């Protein structure tokens, strides 16, 4: 394992923590945007794991995961702006 692999693993672990934080915001703080944040980073985890070869997907699916994550974050930002 080289340094880049270690950084990638650390990044995935941080994404998992952020996903959990999003769920916490949604459930405990009753913030709807928490679900969108959780979805964004859950998709990033799946995206990264597929790029690392840990989760096998058909070629090109990872681009749709990335697009889905970006759409989920766009929704999260929109919900945060709408919140008073």
PDB file of N, CA and C in Angstrom:
ATOM      1  N   UNK A   1       0.852  -1.174   0.000  1.00  0.00           N
ATOM      2  CA  UNK A   1       0.000   0.000   0.000  1.00  0.00           C
ATOM      3  C   UNK A   1       0.897   1.237   0.000  1.00  0.00           C
ATOM      4  N   UNK A   2       0.621   2.119  -0.958  1.00  0.00           N
ATOM      5  CA  UNK A   2       1.410   3.337  -1.021  1.00  0.00           C
ATOM      6  C   UNK A   2       0.660   4.489  -0.345  1.00  0.00           C
ATOM      7  N   UNK A   3       1.273   5.649  -0.339  1.00  0.00           N
ATOM      8  CA  UNK A   3       0.691   6.805   0.333  1.00  0.00           C
ATOM      9  C   UNK A   3      -0.648   7.224  -0.249  1.00  0.00           C
ATOM     10  N   UNK A   4      -0.777   7.143  -1.566  1.00  0.00           N
ATOM     11  CA  UNK A   4      -2.039   7.524  -2.215  1.00  0.00           C
ATOM     12  C   UNK A   4      -3.173   6.588  -1.794  1.00  0.00           C
ATOM     13  N   UNK A   5      -2.874   5.300  -1.668  1.00  0.00           N
ATOM     14  CA  UNK A   5      -3.892   4.339  -1.216  1.00  0.00           C
ATOM     15  C   UNK A   5      -4.339   4.651   0.206  1.00  0.00           C
ATOM     16  N   UNK A   6      -3.399   4.984   1.062  1.00  0.00           N
ATOM     17  CA  UNK A   6      -3.726   5.317   2.447  1.00  0.00           C
ATOM     18  C   UNK A   6      -4.594   6.571   2.520  1.00  0.00           C
ATOM     19  N   UNK A   7      -4.252   7.562   1.729  1.00  0.00           N
ATOM     20  CA  UNK A   7      -5.057   8.787   1.696  1.00  0.00           C
ATOM     21  C   UNK A   7      -6.466   8.482   1.218  1.00  0.00           C
ATOM     22  N   UNK A   8      -6.594   7.620   0.218  1.00  0.00           N
ATOM     23  CA  UNK A   8      -7.916   7.251  -0.282  1.00  0.00           C
ATOM     24  C   UNK A   8      -8.735   6.547   0.786  1.00  0.00           C
ATOM     25  N   UNK A   9      -8.126   5.663   1.538  1.00  0.00           N
ATOM     26  CA  UNK A   9      -8.831   4.963   2.621  1.00  0.00           C
ATOM     27  C   UNK A   9      -9.259   5.943   3.703  1.00  0.00           C
ATOM     28  N   UNK A  10      -8.388   6.854   4.071  1.00  0.00           N
ATOM     29  CA  UNK A  10      -8.734   7.872   5.071  1.00  0.00           C
ATOM     30  C   UNK A  10      -9.897   8.721   4.565  1.00  0.00           C
ATOM     31  N   UNK A  11      -9.869   9.076   3.285  1.00  0.00           N
ATOM     32  CA  UNK A  11     -10.940   9.873   2.689  1.00  0.00           C
ATOM     33  C   UNK A  11     -12.275   9.134   2.774  1.00  0.00           C
ATOM     34  N   UNK A  12     -12.282   7.851   2.474  1.00  0.00           N
ATOM     35  CA  UNK A  12     -13.521   7.062   2.548  1.00  0.00           C
ATOM     36  C   UNK A  12     -14.028   7.008   3.988  1.00  0.00           C
ATOM     37  N   UNK A  13     -13.132   6.851   4.942  1.00  0.00           N
ATOM     38  CA  UNK A  13     -13.550   6.825   6.349  1.00  0.00           C
ATOM     39  C   UNK A  13     -14.160   8.162   6.770  1.00  0.00           C
ATOM     40  N   UNK A  14     -13.588   9.261   6.308  1.00  0.00           N
ATOM     41  CA  UNK A  14     -14.152  10.587   6.600  1.00  0.00           C
ATOM     42  C   UNK A  14     -15.533  10.719   5.963  1.00  0.00           C
ATOM     43  N   UNK A  15     -15.691  10.214   4.745  1.00  0.00           N
ATOM     44  CA  UNK A  15     -16.995  10.247   4.082  1.00  0.00           C
ATOM     45  C   UNK A  15     -18.037   9.458   4.871  1.00  0.00           C
ATOM     46  N   UNK A  16     -17.632   8.332   5.444  1.00  0.00           N
ATOM     47  CA  UNK A  16     -18.550   7.530   6.270  1.00  0.00           C
ATOM     48  C   UNK A  16     -18.981   8.324   7.503  1.00  0.00           C
ATOM     49  N   UNK A  17     -18.033   9.018   8.133  1.00  0.00           N
ATOM     50  CA  UNK A  17     -18.355   9.837   9.316  1.00  0.00           C
ATOM     51  C   UNK A  17     -19.315  10.968   8.931  1.00  0.00           C
ATOM     52  N   UNK A  18     -19.080  11.598   7.777  1.00  0.00           N
ATOM     53  CA  UNK A  18     -19.963  12.674   7.329  1.00  0.00           C
ATOM     54  C   UNK A  18     -21.355  12.125   7.024  1.00  0.00           C
ATOM     55  N   UNK A  19     -21.429  10.942   6.433  1.00  0.00           N
ATOM     56  CA  UNK A  19     -22.729  10.300   6.181  1.00  0.00           C
ATOM     57  C   UNK A  19     -23.478  10.106   7.488  1.00  0.00           C
ATOM     58  N   UNK A  20     -22.790   9.593   8.501  1.00  0.00           N
ATOM     59  CA  UNK A  20     -23.412   9.407   9.815  1.00  0.00           C
ATOM     60  C   UNK A  20     -23.849  10.742  10.406  1.00  0.00           C
ATOM     61  N   UNK A  21     -23.044  11.777  10.222  1.00  0.00           N
ATOM     62  CA  UNK A  21     -23.408  13.109  10.695  1.00  0.00           C
ATOM     63  C   UNK A  21     -24.663  13.628  10.015  1.00  0.00           C
ATOM     64  N   UNK A  22     -24.797  13.361   8.729  1.00  0.00           N
ATOM     65  CA  UNK A  22     -26.000  13.753   8.008  1.00  0.00           C
ATOM     66  C   UNK A  22     -27.243  13.055   8.539  1.00  0.00           C
ATOM     67  N   UNK A  23     -27.117  11.758   8.816  1.00  0.00           N
ATOM     68  CA  UNK A  23     -28.236  11.011   9.392  1.00  0.00           C
ATOM     69  C   UNK A  23     -28.572  11.568  10.771  1.00  0.00           C
ATOM     70  N   UNK A  24     -27.551  11.882  11.559  1.00  0.00           N
ATOM     71  CA  UNK A  24     -27.773  12.473  12.880  1.00  0.00           C
ATOM     72  C   UNK A  24     -28.539  13.790  12.765  1.00  0.00           C
ATOM     73  N   UNK A  25     -28.122  14.657  11.821  1.00  0.00           N
ATOM     74  CA  UNK A  25     -28.828  15.925  11.638  1.00  0.00           C
ATOM     75  C   UNK A  25     -30.291  15.695  11.254  1.00  0.00           C
ATOM     76  N   UNK A  26     -30.513  14.705  10.417  1.00  0.00           N
ATOM     77  CA  UNK A  26     -31.881  14.436   9.959  1.00  0.00           C
ATOM     78  C   UNK A  26     -32.747  13.866  11.073  1.00  0.00           C
ATOM     79  N   UNK A  27     -32.196  12.941  11.846  1.00  0.00           N
ATOM     80  CA  UNK A  27     -33.001  12.239  12.852  1.00  0.00           C
ATOM     81  C   UNK A  27     -33.089  13.027  14.157  1.00  0.00           C
ATOM     82  N   UNK A  28     -31.966  13.396  14.700  1.00  0.00           N
ATOM     83  CA  UNK A  28     -31.949  14.031  16.017  1.00  0.00           C
ATOM     84  C   UNK A  28     -32.249  15.529  15.968  1.00  0.00           C
ATOM     85  N   UNK A  29     -31.751  16.203  14.965  1.00  0.00           N
ATOM     86  CA  UNK A  29     -31.954  17.652  14.857  1.00  0.00           C
ATOM     87  C   UNK A  29     -33.155  18.011  13.989  1.00  0.00           C
ATOM     88  N   UNK A  30     -33.747  16.970  13.364  1.00  0.00           N
ATOM     89  CA  UNK A  30     -34.915  17.131  12.496  1.00  0.00           C
ATOM     90  C   UNK A  30     -34.667  18.129  11.370  1.00  0.00           C
ATOM     91  N   UNK A  31     -33.499  18.032  10.776  1.00  0.00           N
ATOM     92  CA  UNK A  31     -33.120  18.874   9.642  1.00  0.00           C
ATOM     93  C   UNK A  31     -33.228  18.024   8.372  1.00  0.00           C
ATOM     94  N   UNK A  32     -34.158  18.371   7.511  1.00  0.00           N
ATOM     95  CA  UNK A  32     -34.389  17.590   6.299  1.00  0.00           C
ATOM     96  C   UNK A  32     -33.145  17.513   5.428  1.00  0.00           C
ATOM     97  N   UNK A  33     -32.376  18.593   5.387  1.00  0.00           N
ATOM     98  CA  UNK A  33     -31.182  18.592   4.536  1.00  0.00           C
ATOM     99  C   UNK A  33     -30.158  17.557   4.978  1.00  0.00           C
ATOM    100  N   UNK A  34     -30.273  17.072   6.214  1.00  0.00           N
ATOM    101  CA  UNK A  34     -29.360  16.030   6.684  1.00  0.00           C
ATOM    102  C   UNK A  34     -29.438  14.769   5.838  1.00  0.00           C
ATOM    103  N   UNK A  35     -30.650  14.438   5.392  1.00  0.00           N
ATOM    104  CA  UNK A  35     -30.809  13.255   4.526  1.00  0.00           C
ATOM    105  C   UNK A  35     -30.087  13.451   3.198  1.00  0.00           C
ATOM    106  N   UNK A  36     -30.166  14.647   2.657  1.00  0.00           N
ATOM    107  CA  UNK A  36     -29.493  14.908   1.387  1.00  0.00           C
ATOM    108  C   UNK A  36     -27.974  14.869   1.558  1.00  0.00           C
ATOM    109  N   UNK A  37     -27.491  15.384   2.681  1.00  0.00           N
ATOM    110  CA  UNK A  37     -26.048  15.312   2.958  1.00  0.00           C
ATOM    111  C   UNK A  37     -25.626  13.850   3.126  1.00  0.00           C
ATOM    112  N   UNK A  38     -26.416  13.085   3.865  1.00  0.00           N
ATOM    113  CA  UNK A  38     -26.108  11.669   4.058  1.00  0.00           C
ATOM    114  C   UNK A  38     -26.104  10.931   2.723  1.00  0.00           C
ATOM    115  N   UNK A  39     -27.082  11.223   1.871  1.00  0.00           N
ATOM    116  CA  UNK A  39     -27.144  10.569   0.557  1.00  0.00           C
ATOM    117  C   UNK A  39     -25.932  10.934  -0.287  1.00  0.00           C
ATOM    118  N   UNK A  40     -25.560  12.208  -0.252  1.00  0.00           N
ATOM    119  CA  UNK A  40     -24.396  12.668  -1.019  1.00  0.00           C
ATOM    120  C   UNK A  40     -23.157  11.867  -0.649  1.00  0.00           C
ATOM    121  N   UNK A  41     -22.877  11.812   0.639  1.00  0.00           N
ATOM    122  CA  UNK A  41     -21.629  11.170   1.052  1.00  0.00           C
ATOM    123  C   UNK A  41     -21.700   9.653   1.017  1.00  0.00           C
ATOM    124  N   UNK A  42     -22.896   9.091   1.144  1.00  0.00           N
ATOM    125  CA  UNK A  42     -23.037   7.645   0.949  1.00  0.00           C
ATOM    126  C   UNK A  42     -22.725   7.294  -0.507  1.00  0.00           C
ATOM    127  N   UNK A  43     -23.202   8.120  -1.434  1.00  0.00           N
ATOM    128  CA  UNK A  43     -22.882   7.898  -2.844  1.00  0.00           C
ATOM    129  C   UNK A  43     -21.391   8.094  -3.107  1.00  0.00           C
ATOM    130  N   UNK A  44     -20.773   9.059  -2.437  1.00  0.00           N
ATOM    131  CA  UNK A  44     -19.327   9.235  -2.573  1.00  0.00           C
ATOM    132  C   UNK A  44     -18.565   8.010  -2.059  1.00  0.00           C
ATOM    133  N   UNK A  45     -19.032   7.420  -0.969  1.00  0.00           N
ATOM    134  CA  UNK A  45     -18.389   6.202  -0.447  1.00  0.00           C
ATOM    135  C   UNK A  45     -18.475   5.091  -1.487  1.00  0.00           C
ATOM    136  N   UNK A  46     -19.677   4.884  -2.030  1.00  0.00           N
ATOM    137  CA  UNK A  46     -19.853   3.833  -3.036  1.00  0.00           C
ATOM    138  C   UNK A  46     -19.005   4.145  -4.269  1.00  0.00           C
ATOM    139  N   UNK A  47     -18.998   5.414  -4.682  1.00  0.00           N
ATOM    140  CA  UNK A  47     -18.184   5.837  -5.827  1.00  0.00           C
ATOM    141  C   UNK A  47     -16.706   5.516  -5.590  1.00  0.00           C
ATOM    142  N   UNK A  48     -16.199   5.918  -4.439  1.00  0.00           N
ATOM    143  CA  UNK A  48     -14.780   5.686  -4.144  1.00  0.00           C
ATOM    144  C   UNK A  48     -14.457   4.196  -4.050  1.00  0.00           C
ATOM    145  N   UNK A  49     -15.328   3.442  -3.403  1.00  0.00           N
ATOM    146  CA  UNK A  49     -15.081   2.002  -3.295  1.00  0.00           C
ATOM    147  C   UNK A  49     -15.124   1.326  -4.658  1.00  0.00           C
ATOM    148  N   UNK A  50     -15.981   1.817  -5.554  1.00  0.00           N
ATOM    149  CA  UNK A  50     -16.016   1.242  -6.906  1.00  0.00           C
ATOM    150  C   UNK A  50     -14.745   1.609  -7.667  1.00  0.00           C
ATOM    151  N   UNK A  51     -14.274   2.845  -7.490  1.00  0.00           N
ATOM    152  CA  UNK A  51     -13.040   3.272  -8.168  1.00  0.00           C
ATOM    153  C   UNK A  51     -11.824   2.518  -7.633  1.00  0.00           C
ATOM    154  N   UNK A  52     -11.894   2.105  -6.351  1.00  0.00           N
ATOM    155  CA  UNK A  52     -10.793   1.358  -5.747  1.00  0.00           C
ATOM    156  C   UNK A  52     -10.870  -0.131  -6.103  1.00  0.00           C
ATOM    157  N   UNK A  53     -11.964  -0.550  -6.762  1.00  0.00           N
ATOM    158  CA  UNK A  53     -12.119  -1.942  -7.157  1.00  0.00           C
ATOM    159  C   UNK A  53     -12.684  -2.833  -6.064  1.00  0.00           C
ATOM    160  N   UNK A  54     -13.150  -2.246  -4.970  1.00  0.00           N
ATOM    161  CA  UNK A  54     -13.685  -3.025  -3.856  1.00  0.00           C
ATOM    162  C   UNK A  54     -15.122  -3.443  -4.139  1.00  0.00           C
ATOM    163  N   UNK A  55     -15.892  -2.542  -4.748  1.00  0.00           N
ATOM    164  CA  UNK A  55     -17.258  -2.857  -5.168  1.00  0.00           C
ATOM    165  C   UNK A  55     -17.267  -2.871  -6.690  1.00  0.00           C
ATOM    166  N   UNK A  56     -17.480  -4.044  -7.279  1.00  0.00           N
ATOM    167  CA  UNK A  56     -17.476  -4.087  -8.743  1.00  0.00           C
ATOM    168  C   UNK A  56     -18.788  -3.569  -9.338  1.00  0.00           C
ATOM    169  N   UNK A  57     -18.680  -2.686 -10.307  1.00  0.00           N
ATOM    170  CA  UNK A  57     -19.830  -2.162 -11.037  1.00  0.00           C
ATOM    171  C   UNK A  57     -19.548  -2.281 -12.524  1.00  0.00           C
ATOM    172  N   UNK A  58     -20.596  -2.192 -13.295  1.00  0.00           N
ATOM    173  CA  UNK A  58     -20.415  -2.130 -14.735  1.00  0.00           C
ATOM    174  C   UNK A  58     -19.687  -0.836 -15.083  1.00  0.00           C
ATOM    175  N   UNK A  59     -18.965  -0.870 -16.162  1.00  0.00           N
ATOM    176  CA  UNK A  59     -18.210   0.310 -16.595  1.00  0.00           C
ATOM    177  C   UNK A  59     -19.154   1.487 -16.798  1.00  0.00           C
ATOM    178  N   UNK A  60     -18.760   2.629 -16.295  1.00  0.00           N
ATOM    179  CA  UNK A  60     -19.531   3.840 -16.475  1.00  0.00           C
ATOM    180  C   UNK A  60     -20.535   4.132 -15.379  1.00  0.00           C
ATOM    181  N   UNK A  61     -20.843   3.161 -14.536  1.00  0.00           N
ATOM    182  CA  UNK A  61     -21.821   3.379 -13.462  1.00  0.00           C
ATOM    183  C   UNK A  61     -21.289   4.394 -12.459  1.00  0.00           C
ATOM    184  N   UNK A  62     -19.976   4.397 -12.244  1.00  0.00           N
ATOM    185  CA  UNK A  62     -19.416   5.318 -11.257  1.00  0.00           C
ATOM    186  C   UNK A  62     -19.666   6.782 -11.627  1.00  0.00           C
ATOM    187  N   UNK A  63     -19.772   7.080 -12.913  1.00  0.00           N
ATOM    188  CA  UNK A  63     -20.066   8.456 -13.302  1.00  0.00           C
ATOM    189  C   UNK A  63     -21.478   8.855 -12.881  1.00  0.00           C
ATOM    190  N   UNK A  64     -22.417   7.904 -12.936  1.00  0.00           N
ATOM    191  CA  UNK A  64     -23.782   8.180 -12.482  1.00  0.00           C
ATOM    192  C   UNK A  64     -23.847   8.321 -10.964  1.00  0.00           C
ATOM    193  N   UNK A  65     -23.005   7.574 -10.244  1.00  0.00           N
ATOM    194  CA  UNK A  65     -22.916   7.742  -8.794  1.00  0.00           C
ATOM    195  C   UNK A  65     -22.440   9.146  -8.454  1.00  0.00           C
ATOM    196  N   UNK A  66     -21.433   9.601  -9.180  1.00  0.00           N
ATOM    197  CA  UNK A  66     -20.891  10.938  -8.951  1.00  0.00           C
ATOM    198  C   UNK A  66     -21.941  12.006  -9.265  1.00  0.00           C
ATOM    199  N   UNK A  67     -22.657  11.837 -10.366  1.00  0.00           N
ATOM    200  CA  UNK A  67     -23.724  12.771 -10.722  1.00  0.00           C
ATOM    201  C   UNK A  67     -24.813  12.770  -9.652  1.00  0.00           C
ATOM    202  N   UNK A  68     -25.203  11.590  -9.183  1.00  0.00           N
ATOM    203  CA  UNK A  68     -26.217  11.490  -8.132  1.00  0.00           C
ATOM    204  C   UNK A  68     -25.792  12.183  -6.857  1.00  0.00           C
ATOM    205  N   UNK A  69     -24.525  12.038  -6.502  1.00  0.00           N
ATOM    206  CA  UNK A  69     -24.001  12.706  -5.305  1.00  0.00           C
ATOM    207  C   UNK A  69     -24.067  14.223  -5.452  1.00  0.00           C
ATOM    208  N   UNK A  70     -23.735  14.708  -6.621  1.00  0.00           N
ATOM    209  CA  UNK A  70     -23.794  16.156  -6.851  1.00  0.00           C
ATOM    210  C   UNK A  70     -25.224  16.675  -6.818  1.00  0.00           C
ATOM    211  N   UNK A  71     -26.154  15.924  -7.362  1.00  0.00           N
ATOM    212  CA  UNK A  71     -27.559  16.323  -7.317  1.00  0.00           C
ATOM    213  C   UNK A  71     -28.062  16.324  -5.877  1.00  0.00           C
ATOM    214  N   UNK A  72     -27.676  15.313  -5.096  1.00  0.00           N
ATOM    215  CA  UNK A  72     -28.088  15.249  -3.686  1.00  0.00           C
ATOM    216  C   UNK A  72     -27.551  16.454  -2.911  1.00  0.00           C
ATOM    217  N   UNK A  73     -26.314  16.853  -3.174  1.00  0.00           N
ATOM    218  CA  UNK A  73     -25.768  18.023  -2.473  1.00  0.00           C
ATOM    219  C   UNK A  73     -26.441  19.304  -2.934  1.00  0.00           C
ATOM    220  N   UNK A  74     -26.797  19.394  -4.206  1.00  0.00           N
ATOM    221  CA  UNK A  74     -27.546  20.546  -4.694  1.00  0.00           C
ATOM    222  C   UNK A  74     -28.878  20.660  -3.947  1.00  0.00           C
ATOM    223  N   UNK A  75     -29.539  19.541  -3.738  1.00  0.00           N
ATOM    224  CA  UNK A  75     -30.790  19.519  -2.972  1.00  0.00           C
ATOM    225  C   UNK A  75     -30.532  19.956  -1.532  1.00  0.00           C
ATOM    226  N   UNK A  76     -29.445  19.461  -0.941  1.00  0.00           N
ATOM    227  CA  UNK A  76     -29.115  19.837   0.439  1.00  0.00           C
ATOM    228  C   UNK A  76     -28.912  21.344   0.562  1.00  0.00           C
ATOM    229  N   UNK A  77     -28.179  21.917  -0.374  1.00  0.00           N
ATOM    230  CA  UNK A  77     -27.933  23.359  -0.333  1.00  0.00           C
ATOM    231  C   UNK A  77     -29.246  24.119  -0.502  1.00  0.00           C
ATOM    232  N   UNK A  78     -30.082  23.679  -1.410  1.00  0.00           N
ATOM    233  CA  UNK A  78     -31.376  24.327  -1.633  1.00  0.00           C
ATOM    234  C   UNK A  78     -32.211  24.257  -0.359  1.00  0.00           C
ATOM    235  N   UNK A  79     -32.228  23.099   0.314  1.00  0.00           N
ATOM    236  CA  UNK A  79     -32.992  22.967   1.567  1.00  0.00           C
ATOM    237  C   UNK A  79     -32.420  23.852   2.665  1.00  0.00           C
ATOM    238  N   UNK A  80     -31.096  23.993   2.720  1.00  0.00           N
ATOM    239  CA  UNK A  80     -30.494  24.868   3.727  1.00  0.00           C
ATOM    240  C   UNK A  80     -30.843  26.324   3.471  1.00  0.00           C
ATOM    241  N   UNK A  81     -30.854  26.722   2.212  1.00  0.00           N
ATOM    242  CA  UNK A  81     -31.198  28.110   1.874  1.00  0.00           C
ATOM    243  C   UNK A  81     -32.660  28.393   2.237  1.00  0.00           C
ATOM    244  N   UNK A  82     -33.532  27.429   2.001  1.00  0.00           N
ATOM    245  CA  UNK A  82     -34.955  27.608   2.294  1.00  0.00           C
ATOM    246  C   UNK A  82     -35.260  27.634   3.784  1.00  0.00           C
ATOM    247  N   UNK A  83     -34.400  27.004   4.589  1.00  0.00           N
ATOM    248  CA  UNK A  83     -34.660  26.941   6.030  1.00  0.00           C
ATOM    249  C   UNK A  83     -34.489  28.309   6.665  1.00  0.00           C
ATOM    250  N   UNK A  84     -35.335  28.577   7.627  1.00  0.00           N
ATOM    251  CA  UNK A  84     -35.277  29.877   8.313  1.00  0.00           C
ATOM    252  C   UNK A  84     -34.363  29.821   9.514  1.00  0.00           C
TER     253      UNK A  84
END
